[in-house]
């Protein structure tokens, strides 16, 4: 079948993010023999015209639209991407009668909400590499007058997930790799899927499942090698929810990069509980320059409420390991989550001063998604029950003045507070990319 894939994500600050999920779908569809065209709207000046031209030139039989993010999860700014998505679907409806299939991580979080809001024909909540070809086969059967193997539902939630991740490598050839590398400073690589942790707000287990499924280190290195040799890419971000779990896999990936003498620079997300000196040394030797800890809080009682599996002592230890080995590190914290009050926030800021990370990101409140433990807490603690596409935040009622907290954070040059736009410099960030600066921007800004 002729399948038009559309990536409507147009966010470019702080960086445009390569549509990795859609590149996996592209690979799966090609493997099943479908005729494919991709329209990426990230750098488009006229999305409607792009979709019109694609529809006219390609005459698609099915249109797949990947919804990566719902909003920027930043209070109080709360920038939503819904209008971009709605305009993309409306353009598709104007120029083709092909059925619309929704997918992507954002759709997977709120499939029913998106189906109603965008009035799509079909949707796939979860991994689409197997489910989308199966759906296309059923749609093709209906078009040809044959009875499909099963009734076509509004949206599909696959019963099983991919077990052998090495069997499918993302097809990036349909996208402008050079533009993403030039304007984004790096490309994303996935070494595993699944997250077994129980953070109360997190949607990773919904998107990728709770069981960790790992790619072989050789497969990861093959992908990196191909991008460095064929496209000149040397900066990457490992987009796993947690790179260093299990530690043995992280070390094996590093060893493979070292063995092949891949001259790259990269960063990743880490869990403080699994940071060791040996791993830090392996990461450094493999080209890692900076790490980002999803810390959430520096107060033990709050960490328990947040569903974290580590303590403040482990956070300090992980930070010390990074500093000792020369790895830049950034901590992500919340101000106003469950258990927070004026005292815990003051403690967090004081302890963050003592740890003195190369950068810190502090979020005001926490975006609430239906079905999470946080949504239950929000209903019990704050009376918030209506959550969905419009961003709603858990902001502890025991915080007397979040604005004064923001003012305190603004005194630290290397601390960022999205939503309040503290120490965020879009013009500077854009200039840095225009000058050819690569890698994570927080690493570069920490030098200044």
Protein backbone atom coordinates (compact mmCIF):
# COMPACT_ATOMS: atom_id res chain seq x y z
CA UNK A 1 0.00 0.00 0.00
CA UNK A 2 1.00 3.62 -0.45
CA UNK A 3 1.51 4.97 3.07
CA UNK A 4 2.20 8.63 3.84
CA UNK A 5 3.83 9.14 7.24
CA UNK A 6 3.65 12.61 8.79
CA UNK A 7 5.66 13.98 11.68
CA UNK A 8 3.80 17.13 12.81
CA UNK A 9 6.13 17.99 15.69
CA UNK A 10 7.47 21.52 15.02
CA UNK A 11 9.31 22.22 18.28
CA UNK A 12 12.83 23.54 17.67
CA UNK A 13 13.78 24.99 21.06
CA UNK A 14 15.81 24.10 22.94
CA UNK A 15 16.53 21.61 20.13
CA UNK A 16 14.61 19.86 17.36
CA UNK A 17 14.44 16.16 18.22
CA UNK A 18 14.86 13.61 15.46
CA UNK A 19 11.62 11.55 15.07
CA UNK A 20 13.18 8.26 16.11
CA UNK A 21 9.89 6.44 16.70
CA UNK A 22 8.62 7.24 13.21
CA UNK A 23 11.91 6.11 11.69
CA UNK A 24 11.36 2.70 13.31
CA UNK A 25 7.86 2.60 11.79
CA UNK A 26 9.30 3.54 8.39
CA UNK A 27 11.72 0.64 8.66
CA UNK A 28 8.96 -1.81 9.57
CA UNK A 29 6.70 -0.70 6.71
CA UNK A 30 9.49 -0.99 4.14
CA UNK A 31 10.29 -4.45 5.47
CA UNK A 32 6.68 -5.44 4.76
CA UNK A 33 6.88 -4.13 1.20
CA UNK A 34 4.79 -0.97 1.53
CA UNK A 35 5.42 2.04 -0.69
CA UNK A 36 6.42 4.82 1.67
CA UNK A 37 6.67 8.59 1.75
CA UNK A 38 7.50 10.74 4.79
CA UNK A 39 6.54 14.38 5.32
CA UNK A 40 8.40 15.90 8.25
CA UNK A 41 6.96 19.28 9.25
CA UNK A 42 9.60 20.22 11.83
CA UNK A 43 11.42 22.68 9.56
CA UNK A 44 8.49 23.51 7.28
CA UNK A 45 7.46 27.12 6.72
CA UNK A 46 4.08 26.06 5.31
CA UNK A 47 2.85 22.71 6.71
CA UNK A 48 -0.44 22.86 4.81
CA UNK A 49 1.38 23.21 1.50
CA UNK A 50 3.75 20.36 2.40
CA UNK A 51 0.81 18.03 3.08
CA UNK A 52 -1.04 19.19 -0.04
CA UNK A 53 1.98 18.50 -2.24
CA UNK A 54 2.57 15.09 -0.66
CA UNK A 55 -1.07 14.11 -1.13
CA UNK A 56 -1.08 15.27 -4.76
CA UNK A 57 2.22 13.65 -5.72
CA UNK A 58 1.88 10.41 -3.80
CA UNK A 59 -1.89 9.79 -3.65
CA UNK A 60 -1.65 7.86 -0.35
CA UNK A 61 -3.96 4.99 0.52
CA UNK A 62 -3.31 5.44 4.25
CA UNK A 63 -1.88 8.36 6.23
CA UNK A 64 -0.02 7.70 9.50
CA UNK A 65 0.55 10.63 11.87
CA UNK A 66 2.99 10.35 14.78
CA UNK A 67 2.16 12.41 17.90
CA UNK A 68 5.35 12.59 19.92
CA UNK A 69 4.55 15.11 22.67
CA UNK A 70 1.32 16.58 24.04
CA UNK A 71 2.72 19.74 25.63
CA UNK A 72 5.93 21.09 27.17
CA UNK A 73 4.98 19.89 30.72
CA UNK A 74 6.07 23.30 32.06
CA UNK A 75 3.95 25.33 34.49
CA UNK A 76 2.82 28.11 34.33
CA UNK A 77 3.59 28.60 30.60
CA UNK A 78 1.89 25.35 29.55
CA UNK A 79 2.55 25.36 25.82
CA UNK A 80 0.40 22.76 24.04
CA UNK A 81 1.07 21.10 20.67
CA UNK A 82 -2.58 20.27 20.05
CA UNK A 83 -3.18 23.03 17.50
CA UNK A 84 -0.29 21.83 15.33
CA UNK A 85 -1.70 18.30 15.40
CA UNK A 86 -5.24 19.41 14.63
CA UNK A 87 -4.09 21.58 11.72
CA UNK A 88 -2.10 18.66 10.29
CA UNK A 89 -5.12 16.33 10.41
CA UNK A 90 -7.35 19.01 8.90
CA UNK A 91 -4.89 19.46 6.04
CA UNK A 92 -4.84 15.72 5.42
CA UNK A 93 -8.65 15.66 5.32
CA UNK A 94 -8.65 18.53 2.79
CA UNK A 95 -6.33 16.88 0.30
CA UNK A 96 -7.01 13.13 0.53
CA UNK A 97 -9.75 10.70 1.50
CA UNK A 98 -7.21 8.19 2.82
CA UNK A 99 -7.92 6.94 6.37
CA UNK A 100 -5.87 8.56 9.13
CA UNK A 101 -3.97 6.36 11.62
CA UNK A 102 -2.57 7.98 14.76
CA UNK A 103 0.40 6.70 16.76
CA UNK A 104 3.44 7.82 18.71
CA UNK A 105 4.31 8.24 22.38
CA UNK A 106 1.92 11.15 22.95
CA UNK A 107 -0.96 9.23 21.41
CA UNK A 108 -0.11 6.14 23.47
CA UNK A 109 -0.53 8.11 26.70
CA UNK A 110 -4.03 9.39 25.84
CA UNK A 111 -5.36 7.35 22.89
CA UNK A 112 -9.06 7.80 23.56
CA UNK A 113 -8.69 11.53 24.06
CA UNK A 114 -6.76 11.96 20.81
CA UNK A 115 -9.15 9.80 18.79
CA UNK A 116 -12.04 12.01 19.86
CA UNK A 117 -10.17 15.31 19.54
CA UNK A 118 -8.68 14.64 16.10
CA UNK A 119 -11.50 12.41 14.79
CA UNK A 120 -9.06 9.89 13.39
CA UNK A 121 -10.09 6.66 11.71
CA UNK A 122 -7.63 4.39 13.53
CA UNK A 123 -4.90 4.56 16.14
CA UNK A 124 -2.13 2.41 17.58
CA UNK A 125 -1.40 2.84 21.28
CA UNK A 126 2.02 1.34 21.93
CA UNK A 127 4.67 -0.10 19.66
CA UNK A 128 3.59 0.12 16.05
CA UNK A 129 6.28 -1.90 14.28
CA UNK A 130 4.10 -5.03 14.26
CA UNK A 131 0.66 -3.51 14.80
CA UNK A 132 0.77 -0.99 11.93
CA UNK A 133 1.57 -3.56 9.19
CA UNK A 134 -1.16 -5.79 10.61
CA UNK A 135 -3.64 -2.90 10.52
CA UNK A 136 -2.62 -2.09 6.95
CA UNK A 137 -3.26 -5.70 5.95
CA UNK A 138 -6.78 -5.48 7.38
CA UNK A 139 -7.43 -2.13 5.70
CA UNK A 140 -6.17 -3.58 2.42
CA UNK A 141 -8.49 -6.56 2.79
CA UNK A 142 -11.49 -4.26 3.23
CA UNK A 143 -10.48 -2.13 0.24
CA UNK A 144 -10.23 -5.21 -1.96
CA UNK A 145 -13.59 -6.56 -0.83
CA UNK A 146 -12.12 -9.38 1.26
CA UNK A 147 -13.07 -10.02 4.87
CA UNK A 148 -10.33 -8.83 7.27
CA UNK A 149 -8.84 -11.31 9.71
CA UNK A 150 -10.43 -9.39 12.57
CA UNK A 151 -12.79 -6.50 13.18
CA UNK A 152 -11.09 -3.12 12.84
CA UNK A 153 -11.28 -1.29 16.18
CA UNK A 154 -11.03 2.46 16.73
CA UNK A 155 -7.58 2.11 18.20
CA UNK A 156 -5.34 -0.88 18.80
CA UNK A 157 -3.29 -1.57 21.91
CA UNK A 158 -0.92 -4.39 20.90
CA UNK A 159 -1.06 -7.38 23.25
CA UNK A 160 2.65 -8.11 22.95
CA UNK A 161 5.76 -6.02 22.47
CA UNK A 162 8.79 -6.56 20.29
CA UNK A 163 11.10 -9.10 21.87
CA UNK A 164 14.02 -9.01 19.46
CA UNK A 165 15.00 -5.36 19.13
CA UNK A 166 18.00 -6.14 16.92
CA UNK A 167 15.64 -7.30 14.18
CA UNK A 168 14.68 -3.73 13.33
CA UNK A 169 16.95 -0.75 12.83
CA UNK A 170 15.45 2.74 12.41
CA UNK A 171 15.35 3.96 8.81
CA UNK A 172 16.54 7.56 8.95
CA UNK A 173 16.92 7.96 5.20
CA UNK A 174 13.39 9.35 4.86
CA UNK A 175 14.29 12.33 7.07
CA UNK A 176 16.63 15.31 6.82
CA UNK A 177 19.37 13.98 9.08
CA UNK A 178 21.68 16.87 8.28
CA UNK A 179 19.11 19.47 9.39
CA UNK A 180 18.49 17.70 12.71
CA UNK A 181 22.22 17.43 13.34
CA UNK A 182 22.88 21.02 12.31
CA UNK A 183 20.05 22.60 14.30
CA UNK A 184 19.82 20.03 17.09
CA UNK A 185 23.49 19.31 17.64
CA UNK A 186 23.09 15.54 18.04
CA UNK A 187 21.05 12.51 17.06
CA UNK A 188 19.19 10.13 19.36
CA UNK A 189 19.98 6.44 19.84
CA UNK A 190 17.93 3.87 21.73
CA UNK A 191 19.76 0.96 23.39
CA UNK A 192 16.76 -0.58 25.14
CA UNK A 193 13.02 -0.29 25.71
CA UNK A 194 10.97 -0.66 28.87
CA UNK A 195 11.14 0.85 32.35
CA UNK A 196 10.61 -1.23 35.51
CA UNK A 197 10.64 1.74 37.91
CA UNK A 198 7.58 3.21 39.61
CA UNK A 199 7.85 6.98 39.49
CA UNK A 200 4.34 8.19 40.31
CA UNK A 201 4.04 10.61 37.37
CA UNK A 202 5.86 8.74 34.62
CA UNK A 203 4.39 7.41 31.38
CA UNK A 204 7.48 5.48 30.17
CA UNK A 205 6.09 2.11 31.39
CA UNK A 206 2.88 2.82 29.43
CA UNK A 207 4.80 3.70 26.27
CA UNK A 208 7.57 1.09 26.34
CA UNK A 209 6.32 -1.45 28.88
CA UNK A 210 7.64 -2.38 32.32
CA UNK A 211 9.97 -5.15 31.19
CA UNK A 212 13.39 -4.06 29.98
CA UNK A 213 14.24 -5.33 26.50
CA UNK A 214 17.79 -4.68 25.38
CA UNK A 215 19.51 -4.35 22.04
CA UNK A 216 22.83 -6.10 21.66
CA UNK A 217 25.80 -3.78 22.13
CA UNK A 218 26.96 -4.78 18.63
CA UNK A 219 23.68 -3.58 17.12
CA UNK A 220 23.95 -0.24 18.93
CA UNK A 221 27.54 0.21 17.76
CA UNK A 222 26.58 -0.75 14.20
CA UNK A 223 23.96 2.00 14.12
CA UNK A 224 26.36 4.57 15.53
CA UNK A 225 29.11 3.51 13.14
CA UNK A 226 26.79 3.84 10.16
CA UNK A 227 25.84 7.39 11.13
CA UNK A 228 29.41 8.47 11.77
CA UNK A 229 30.80 6.98 8.56
CA UNK A 230 27.96 7.82 6.17
CA UNK A 231 26.63 11.09 7.62
CA UNK A 232 29.52 12.50 9.63
CA UNK A 233 27.51 12.49 12.86
CA UNK A 234 29.65 12.32 16.01
CA UNK A 235 27.31 13.57 18.79
CA UNK A 236 24.52 11.47 20.23
CA UNK A 237 21.99 11.27 23.04
CA UNK A 238 21.03 7.84 24.35
CA UNK A 239 17.29 8.29 24.73
CA UNK A 240 16.63 5.30 27.01
CA UNK A 241 14.50 6.18 30.04
CA UNK A 242 17.51 5.00 32.11
CA UNK A 243 20.79 4.20 30.37
CA UNK A 244 22.54 2.64 33.37
CA UNK A 245 19.97 -0.04 34.19
CA UNK A 246 20.99 -2.73 34.08
CA UNK A 247 24.57 -1.62 34.71
CA UNK A 248 25.97 -4.67 32.92
CA UNK A 249 24.28 -3.66 29.67
CA UNK A 250 25.47 -0.06 29.92
CA UNK A 251 29.03 -1.25 30.48
CA UNK A 252 28.77 -3.67 27.55
CA UNK A 253 27.61 -0.86 25.21
CA UNK A 254 30.56 1.26 26.36
CA UNK A 255 33.00 -1.60 25.81
CA UNK A 256 31.72 -2.11 22.27
CA UNK A 257 32.13 1.60 21.46
CA UNK A 258 35.67 1.54 22.88
CA UNK A 259 36.56 -1.68 21.06
CA UNK A 260 35.55 -0.20 17.72
CA UNK A 261 37.33 3.07 18.47
CA UNK A 262 34.26 5.11 17.62
CA UNK A 263 35.18 8.75 18.01
CA UNK A 264 31.91 10.12 19.37
CA UNK A 265 30.56 12.37 22.13
CA UNK A 266 27.33 11.51 23.90
CA UNK A 267 25.09 12.01 26.92
CA UNK A 268 22.21 10.13 28.55
CA UNK A 269 19.72 9.82 31.42
CA UNK A 270 20.94 8.03 34.56
CA UNK A 271 19.51 6.67 37.79
CA UNK A 272 21.71 7.64 40.80
CA UNK A 273 21.23 4.22 42.41
CA UNK A 274 23.18 2.49 39.64
CA UNK A 275 26.09 4.88 39.24
CA UNK A 276 29.48 3.33 39.95
CA UNK A 277 33.04 4.48 39.51
CA UNK A 278 33.73 1.67 37.06
CA UNK A 279 30.73 2.62 34.96
CA UNK A 280 31.72 6.29 35.00
CA UNK A 281 35.19 5.38 33.77
CA UNK A 282 33.76 3.18 31.02
CA UNK A 283 31.35 5.90 29.93
CA UNK A 284 34.09 8.51 29.87
CA UNK A 285 36.38 6.27 27.80
CA UNK A 286 33.49 5.62 25.39
CA UNK A 287 33.02 9.35 24.78
CA UNK A 288 30.36 10.33 27.31
CA UNK A 289 30.61 14.01 28.23
CA UNK A 290 27.56 14.61 30.41
CA UNK A 291 24.73 12.85 32.23
CA UNK A 292 21.26 13.86 33.38
CA UNK A 293 19.81 12.51 36.62
CA UNK A 294 16.04 12.27 37.05
CA UNK A 295 16.45 13.13 40.71
CA UNK A 296 13.07 14.77 41.50
CA UNK A 297 13.98 15.67 45.08
CA UNK A 298 16.87 15.76 47.53
CA UNK A 299 14.68 14.91 50.54
CA UNK A 300 14.26 11.25 51.43
CA UNK A 301 10.62 11.39 52.53
CA UNK A 302 9.70 13.13 49.27
CA UNK A 303 11.67 10.59 47.24
CA UNK A 304 9.59 7.81 48.82
CA UNK A 305 6.36 9.60 47.91
CA UNK A 306 7.63 10.09 44.37
CA UNK A 307 8.17 6.35 44.00
CA UNK A 308 11.95 6.65 43.68
CA UNK A 309 14.26 3.73 44.43
CA UNK A 310 17.18 5.83 45.72
CA UNK A 311 18.05 8.10 48.63
CA UNK A 312 19.67 11.48 49.05
CA UNK A 313 22.87 9.72 50.14
CA UNK A 314 22.95 7.84 46.82
CA UNK A 315 22.33 11.08 44.92
CA UNK A 316 25.33 12.68 46.64
CA UNK A 317 27.46 9.62 45.94
CA UNK A 318 26.50 9.55 42.24
CA UNK A 319 27.24 13.27 41.93
CA UNK A 320 30.64 12.83 43.57
CA UNK A 321 31.49 9.97 41.21
CA UNK A 322 30.69 12.17 38.21
CA UNK A 323 32.78 15.04 39.50
CA UNK A 324 35.71 12.77 40.35
CA UNK A 325 35.73 11.27 36.84
CA UNK A 326 35.18 14.54 34.98
CA UNK A 327 31.64 13.82 33.78
CA UNK A 328 29.43 16.88 33.67
CA UNK A 329 26.13 16.24 35.40
CA UNK A 330 22.70 17.83 35.62
CA UNK A 331 19.92 17.22 38.16
CA UNK A 332 16.19 17.47 37.38
CA UNK A 333 14.02 18.40 40.37
CA UNK A 334 10.41 19.31 41.09
CA UNK A 335 9.23 22.14 43.33
CA UNK A 336 5.70 21.54 44.52
CA UNK A 337 5.23 17.80 44.09
CA UNK A 338 3.58 15.48 46.64
CA UNK A 339 5.06 15.97 50.10
CA UNK A 340 6.59 19.32 49.24
CA UNK A 341 6.17 22.35 51.45
CA UNK A 342 8.19 25.52 52.01
CA UNK A 343 10.68 23.68 54.20
CA UNK A 344 11.36 20.80 51.80
CA UNK A 345 11.82 23.23 48.90
CA UNK A 346 14.32 25.28 50.95
CA UNK A 347 16.12 22.05 51.81
CA UNK A 348 16.21 21.06 48.14
CA UNK A 349 17.70 24.37 47.06
CA UNK A 350 20.28 24.33 49.84
CA UNK A 351 21.36 20.77 49.11
CA UNK A 352 21.49 21.52 45.39
CA UNK A 353 23.84 24.39 46.19
CA UNK A 354 26.03 22.00 48.16
CA UNK A 355 26.11 19.37 45.42
CA UNK A 356 26.84 22.13 42.89
CA UNK A 357 25.94 20.32 39.65
CA UNK A 358 27.07 21.69 36.30
CA UNK A 359 23.41 22.44 35.61
CA UNK A 360 20.02 21.95 37.26
CA UNK A 361 16.48 21.99 35.90
CA UNK A 362 13.72 22.75 38.39
CA UNK A 363 10.11 22.28 37.33
CA UNK A 364 7.22 23.99 39.12
CA UNK A 365 4.69 21.28 39.87
CA UNK A 366 4.22 18.05 37.92
CA UNK A 367 2.11 17.44 34.81
CA UNK A 368 -0.67 14.96 35.66
CA UNK A 369 -1.56 12.12 33.29
CA UNK A 370 -4.63 9.90 33.73
CA UNK A 371 -3.95 6.43 35.06
CA UNK A 372 -0.80 7.35 36.99
CA UNK A 373 -0.42 7.19 40.75
CA UNK A 374 -0.01 10.97 40.67
CA UNK A 375 -3.51 11.35 39.22
CA UNK A 376 -4.88 9.45 42.24
CA UNK A 377 -2.91 11.71 44.60
CA UNK A 378 -4.13 14.82 42.78
CA UNK A 379 -7.74 13.70 43.23
CA UNK A 380 -7.25 12.97 46.93
CA UNK A 381 -5.02 15.93 47.83
CA UNK A 382 -6.19 18.68 45.49
CA UNK A 383 -9.60 17.58 44.21
CA UNK A 384 -8.26 17.43 40.63
CA UNK A 385 -10.13 14.78 38.66
CA UNK A 386 -10.36 16.11 35.12
CA UNK A 387 -7.03 15.40 33.41
CA UNK A 388 -6.28 14.77 29.77
CA UNK A 389 -5.06 16.66 26.72
CA UNK A 390 -5.13 20.08 28.40
CA UNK A 391 -2.16 20.19 30.80
CA UNK A 392 -3.08 20.14 34.50
CA UNK A 393 -0.43 20.19 37.23
CA UNK A 394 0.02 18.87 40.73
CA UNK A 395 1.22 21.85 42.77
CA UNK A 396 1.33 21.19 46.49
CA UNK A 397 -1.08 23.31 48.52
CA UNK A 398 1.61 23.47 51.21
CA UNK A 399 3.73 25.75 49.01
CA UNK A 400 2.92 29.29 50.12
CA UNK A 401 4.46 31.21 47.20
CA UNK A 402 5.87 29.43 44.14
CA UNK A 403 6.79 32.80 42.59
CA UNK A 404 9.22 33.55 45.42
CA UNK A 405 10.82 30.14 44.83
CA UNK A 406 11.27 31.05 41.19
CA UNK A 407 12.94 34.30 42.22
CA UNK A 408 15.35 32.35 44.43
CA UNK A 409 16.17 29.94 41.61
CA UNK A 410 16.84 32.87 39.28
CA UNK A 411 19.80 33.87 41.47
CA UNK A 412 21.73 30.78 40.32
CA UNK A 413 23.24 31.24 36.90
CA UNK A 414 23.32 27.56 35.95
CA UNK A 415 19.85 26.65 37.21
CA UNK A 416 16.98 26.59 34.73
CA UNK A 417 13.26 26.83 35.45
CA UNK A 418 11.12 26.10 32.38
CA UNK A 419 7.65 27.63 32.49
CA UNK A 420 9.06 30.65 34.27
CA UNK A 421 11.68 30.83 31.50
CA UNK A 422 14.45 31.39 34.05
CA UNK A 423 17.93 31.23 32.51
CA UNK A 424 16.52 30.10 29.18
CA UNK A 425 18.01 32.05 26.29
CA UNK A 426 16.40 31.02 22.97
CA UNK A 427 18.41 33.53 20.92
CA UNK A 428 21.70 32.40 22.48
CA UNK A 429 20.78 28.74 22.01
CA UNK A 430 19.99 29.37 18.37
CA UNK A 431 23.27 31.23 17.86
CA UNK A 432 25.25 28.43 19.47
CA UNK A 433 23.78 25.94 17.01
CA UNK A 434 24.37 28.31 14.11
CA UNK A 435 28.03 28.49 15.17
CA UNK A 436 28.25 24.70 14.98
CA UNK A 437 28.15 23.89 18.71
CA UNK A 438 27.23 20.22 19.14
CA UNK A 439 26.08 18.07 22.03
CA UNK A 440 23.75 18.99 24.92
CA UNK A 441 23.26 22.73 25.23
CA UNK A 442 23.29 22.62 29.03
CA UNK A 443 26.85 21.30 28.86
CA UNK A 444 27.89 24.23 26.69
CA UNK A 445 26.02 26.82 28.74
CA UNK A 446 27.57 25.49 31.95
CA UNK A 447 30.95 26.73 30.67
CA UNK A 448 29.72 30.30 30.35
